[in-house]
Amino acid sequence: MKNINAQINKVEVAALVTKRASMLQAKTAAVNLGDETLVLLKMMVALCGELKQESQQAIKELEELKKLIELTSD
């Protein structure tokens, strides 16, 4: 999560630089903003993948617990 917060800060700084850039530097600043945003998106995709796996595991464990509860309540 620390990496994602750092990347969000980079994107924010890149956005500020793009906003303040002169016309000559605007293209470079815009490319930099795009690059940093792409890195952030890739990090978020990886995080979503991890969350999906953890959610699937939690669902399996919950189903097992429900079965155990049913067996013990009979």
N, C-alpha and C. Protein backbone atom coordinates (compact mmCIF):
# COMPACT_ATOMS: atom_id res chain seq x y z
N MET A 1 0.83 -1.20 0.00
CA MET A 1 0.00 0.00 0.00
C MET A 1 0.87 1.26 0.00
N LYS A 2 2.02 1.17 0.65
CA LYS A 2 2.94 2.30 0.69
C LYS A 2 3.39 2.67 -0.72
N ASN A 3 3.63 1.64 -1.56
CA ASN A 3 4.05 1.88 -2.94
C ASN A 3 2.97 2.60 -3.73
N ILE A 4 1.72 2.22 -3.50
CA ILE A 4 0.62 2.84 -4.22
C ILE A 4 0.47 4.30 -3.81
N ASN A 5 0.58 4.57 -2.51
CA ASN A 5 0.51 5.97 -2.06
C ASN A 5 1.65 6.80 -2.65
N ALA A 6 2.84 6.23 -2.71
CA ALA A 6 3.98 6.94 -3.31
C ALA A 6 3.72 7.21 -4.78
N GLN A 7 3.14 6.22 -5.47
CA GLN A 7 2.86 6.40 -6.90
C GLN A 7 1.78 7.44 -7.12
N ILE A 8 0.78 7.45 -6.25
CA ILE A 8 -0.26 8.49 -6.35
C ILE A 8 0.37 9.86 -6.20
N ASN A 9 1.30 10.00 -5.28
CA ASN A 9 1.99 11.28 -5.10
C ASN A 9 2.77 11.66 -6.35
N LYS A 10 3.42 10.67 -6.99
CA LYS A 10 4.16 10.95 -8.22
C LYS A 10 3.22 11.45 -9.31
N VAL A 11 2.06 10.81 -9.42
CA VAL A 11 1.08 11.23 -10.43
C VAL A 11 0.60 12.65 -10.14
N GLU A 12 0.36 12.95 -8.86
CA GLU A 12 -0.08 14.30 -8.50
C GLU A 12 0.99 15.33 -8.85
N VAL A 13 2.24 15.02 -8.56
CA VAL A 13 3.34 15.95 -8.88
C VAL A 13 3.46 16.10 -10.39
N ALA A 14 3.37 14.98 -11.11
CA ALA A 14 3.46 15.06 -12.57
C ALA A 14 2.31 15.90 -13.13
N ALA A 15 1.13 15.78 -12.54
CA ALA A 15 -0.01 16.59 -12.99
C ALA A 15 0.24 18.07 -12.74
N LEU A 16 0.82 18.39 -11.58
CA LEU A 16 1.13 19.79 -11.28
C LEU A 16 2.19 20.34 -12.23
N VAL A 17 3.20 19.54 -12.51
CA VAL A 17 4.25 19.96 -13.44
C VAL A 17 3.65 20.20 -14.82
N THR A 18 2.78 19.31 -15.24
CA THR A 18 2.13 19.46 -16.55
C THR A 18 1.33 20.75 -16.60
N LYS A 19 0.62 21.03 -15.52
CA LYS A 19 -0.21 22.23 -15.46
C LYS A 19 0.63 23.49 -15.54
N ARG A 20 1.80 23.45 -14.91
CA ARG A 20 2.64 24.66 -14.84
C ARG A 20 3.67 24.75 -15.97
N ALA A 21 3.77 23.72 -16.77
CA ALA A 21 4.82 23.68 -17.80
C ALA A 21 4.58 24.74 -18.88
N SER A 22 5.70 25.23 -19.42
CA SER A 22 5.59 26.15 -20.55
C SER A 22 5.21 25.35 -21.79
N MET A 23 4.86 26.02 -22.84
CA MET A 23 4.44 25.34 -24.06
C MET A 23 5.54 24.42 -24.60
N LEU A 24 6.79 24.80 -24.43
CA LEU A 24 7.89 23.97 -24.93
C LEU A 24 8.06 22.70 -24.11
N GLN A 25 7.76 22.78 -22.83
CA GLN A 25 7.93 21.64 -21.96
C GLN A 25 6.65 20.82 -21.78
N ALA A 26 5.55 21.32 -22.29
CA ALA A 26 4.26 20.69 -22.04
C ALA A 26 4.20 19.26 -22.57
N LYS A 27 4.77 19.03 -23.74
CA LYS A 27 4.72 17.69 -24.32
C LYS A 27 5.48 16.70 -23.43
N THR A 28 6.66 17.07 -22.98
CA THR A 28 7.45 16.20 -22.10
C THR A 28 6.73 15.95 -20.79
N ALA A 29 6.16 17.00 -20.23
CA ALA A 29 5.45 16.87 -18.96
C ALA A 29 4.22 15.98 -19.13
N ALA A 30 3.52 16.10 -20.25
CA ALA A 30 2.34 15.28 -20.49
C ALA A 30 2.73 13.81 -20.65
N VAL A 31 3.83 13.55 -21.33
CA VAL A 31 4.31 12.17 -21.48
C VAL A 31 4.68 11.60 -20.12
N ASN A 32 5.35 12.40 -19.29
CA ASN A 32 5.72 11.97 -17.94
C ASN A 32 4.48 11.66 -17.12
N LEU A 33 3.47 12.51 -17.20
CA LEU A 33 2.20 12.28 -16.48
C LEU A 33 1.57 10.97 -16.95
N GLY A 34 1.57 10.74 -18.24
CA GLY A 34 1.01 9.50 -18.77
C GLY A 34 1.78 8.28 -18.29
N ASP A 35 3.10 8.38 -18.27
CA ASP A 35 3.94 7.26 -17.81
C ASP A 35 3.66 6.94 -16.34
N GLU A 36 3.62 7.97 -15.51
CA GLU A 36 3.40 7.77 -14.08
C GLU A 36 1.99 7.23 -13.82
N THR A 37 1.04 7.69 -14.60
CA THR A 37 -0.34 7.20 -14.45
C THR A 37 -0.42 5.73 -14.85
N LEU A 38 0.29 5.36 -15.91
CA LEU A 38 0.31 3.97 -16.34
C LEU A 38 0.91 3.07 -15.26
N VAL A 39 1.99 3.51 -14.63
CA VAL A 39 2.59 2.75 -13.54
C VAL A 39 1.57 2.57 -12.41
N LEU A 40 0.87 3.64 -12.07
CA LEU A 40 -0.14 3.57 -11.01
C LEU A 40 -1.25 2.58 -11.38
N LEU A 41 -1.71 2.63 -12.62
CA LEU A 41 -2.75 1.70 -13.05
C LEU A 41 -2.29 0.26 -12.97
N LYS A 42 -1.05 0.00 -13.36
CA LYS A 42 -0.51 -1.36 -13.26
C LYS A 42 -0.44 -1.82 -11.81
N MET A 43 -0.07 -0.92 -10.91
CA MET A 43 -0.02 -1.27 -9.49
C MET A 43 -1.42 -1.59 -8.98
N MET A 44 -2.39 -0.80 -9.41
CA MET A 44 -3.77 -1.02 -8.97
C MET A 44 -4.31 -2.34 -9.51
N VAL A 45 -3.97 -2.68 -10.76
CA VAL A 45 -4.40 -3.95 -11.33
C VAL A 45 -3.82 -5.11 -10.53
N ALA A 46 -2.54 -5.00 -10.18
CA ALA A 46 -1.90 -6.06 -9.38
C ALA A 46 -2.59 -6.18 -8.02
N LEU A 47 -2.89 -5.05 -7.41
CA LEU A 47 -3.57 -5.06 -6.11
C LEU A 47 -4.95 -5.68 -6.23
N CYS A 48 -5.67 -5.36 -7.28
CA CYS A 48 -7.00 -5.95 -7.49
C CYS A 48 -6.90 -7.46 -7.66
N GLY A 49 -5.86 -7.92 -8.34
CA GLY A 49 -5.66 -9.36 -8.50
C GLY A 49 -5.42 -10.03 -7.15
N GLU A 50 -4.62 -9.40 -6.31
CA GLU A 50 -4.36 -9.94 -4.98
C GLU A 50 -5.65 -9.97 -4.15
N LEU A 51 -6.42 -8.89 -4.23
CA LEU A 51 -7.68 -8.82 -3.49
C LEU A 51 -8.66 -9.89 -3.97
N LYS A 52 -8.68 -10.13 -5.26
CA LYS A 52 -9.57 -11.16 -5.80
C LYS A 52 -9.20 -12.53 -5.24
N GLN A 53 -7.90 -12.84 -5.23
CA GLN A 53 -7.46 -14.12 -4.70
C GLN A 53 -7.80 -14.25 -3.21
N GLU A 54 -7.56 -13.19 -2.46
CA GLU A 54 -7.86 -13.22 -1.03
C GLU A 54 -9.37 -13.35 -0.79
N SER A 55 -10.17 -12.70 -1.61
CA SER A 55 -11.62 -12.80 -1.47
C SER A 55 -12.10 -14.22 -1.77
N GLN A 56 -11.54 -14.82 -2.82
CA GLN A 56 -11.91 -16.19 -3.16
C GLN A 56 -11.54 -17.15 -2.03
N GLN A 57 -10.38 -16.94 -1.43
CA GLN A 57 -9.95 -17.78 -0.32
C GLN A 57 -10.88 -17.58 0.89
N ALA A 58 -11.25 -16.36 1.15
CA ALA A 58 -12.15 -16.08 2.28
C ALA A 58 -13.52 -16.72 2.05
N ILE A 59 -14.00 -16.70 0.82
CA ILE A 59 -15.29 -17.33 0.50
C ILE A 59 -15.22 -18.83 0.75
N LYS A 60 -14.12 -19.45 0.32
CA LYS A 60 -13.95 -20.89 0.55
C LYS A 60 -13.94 -21.21 2.04
N GLU A 61 -13.20 -20.41 2.80
CA GLU A 61 -13.11 -20.64 4.23
C GLU A 61 -14.47 -20.43 4.90
N LEU A 62 -15.23 -19.45 4.46
CA LEU A 62 -16.56 -19.20 5.01
C LEU A 62 -17.49 -20.38 4.72
N GLU A 63 -17.41 -20.91 3.50
CA GLU A 63 -18.24 -22.06 3.15
C GLU A 63 -17.89 -23.26 4.03
N GLU A 64 -16.60 -23.47 4.28
CA GLU A 64 -16.17 -24.57 5.16
C GLU A 64 -16.71 -24.37 6.58
N LEU A 65 -16.65 -23.13 7.07
CA LEU A 65 -17.17 -22.83 8.41
C LEU A 65 -18.67 -23.08 8.49
N LYS A 66 -19.40 -22.70 7.44
CA LYS A 66 -20.84 -22.93 7.42
C LYS A 66 -21.14 -24.42 7.49
N LYS A 67 -20.38 -25.22 6.77
CA LYS A 67 -20.57 -26.67 6.79
C LYS A 67 -20.31 -27.23 8.19
N LEU A 68 -19.24 -26.74 8.83
CA LEU A 68 -18.94 -27.19 10.18
C LEU A 68 -20.04 -26.80 11.16
N ILE A 69 -20.56 -25.62 11.03
CA ILE A 69 -21.65 -25.16 11.90
C ILE A 69 -22.89 -26.04 11.71
N GLU A 70 -23.19 -26.35 10.46
CA GLU A 70 -24.35 -27.20 10.17
C GLU A 70 -24.16 -28.59 10.79
N LEU A 71 -22.94 -29.12 10.70
CA LEU A 71 -22.67 -30.45 11.25
C LEU A 71 -22.78 -30.46 12.77
N THR A 72 -22.32 -29.41 13.39
CA THR A 72 -22.32 -29.37 14.86
C THR A 72 -23.68 -28.99 15.43
N SER A 73 -24.51 -28.32 14.63
CA SER A 73 -25.81 -27.91 15.15
C SER A 73 -26.87 -29.02 15.04
N ASP A 74 -26.56 -30.05 14.28
CA ASP A 74 -27.53 -31.16 14.12
C ASP A 74 -27.59 -32.07 15.30
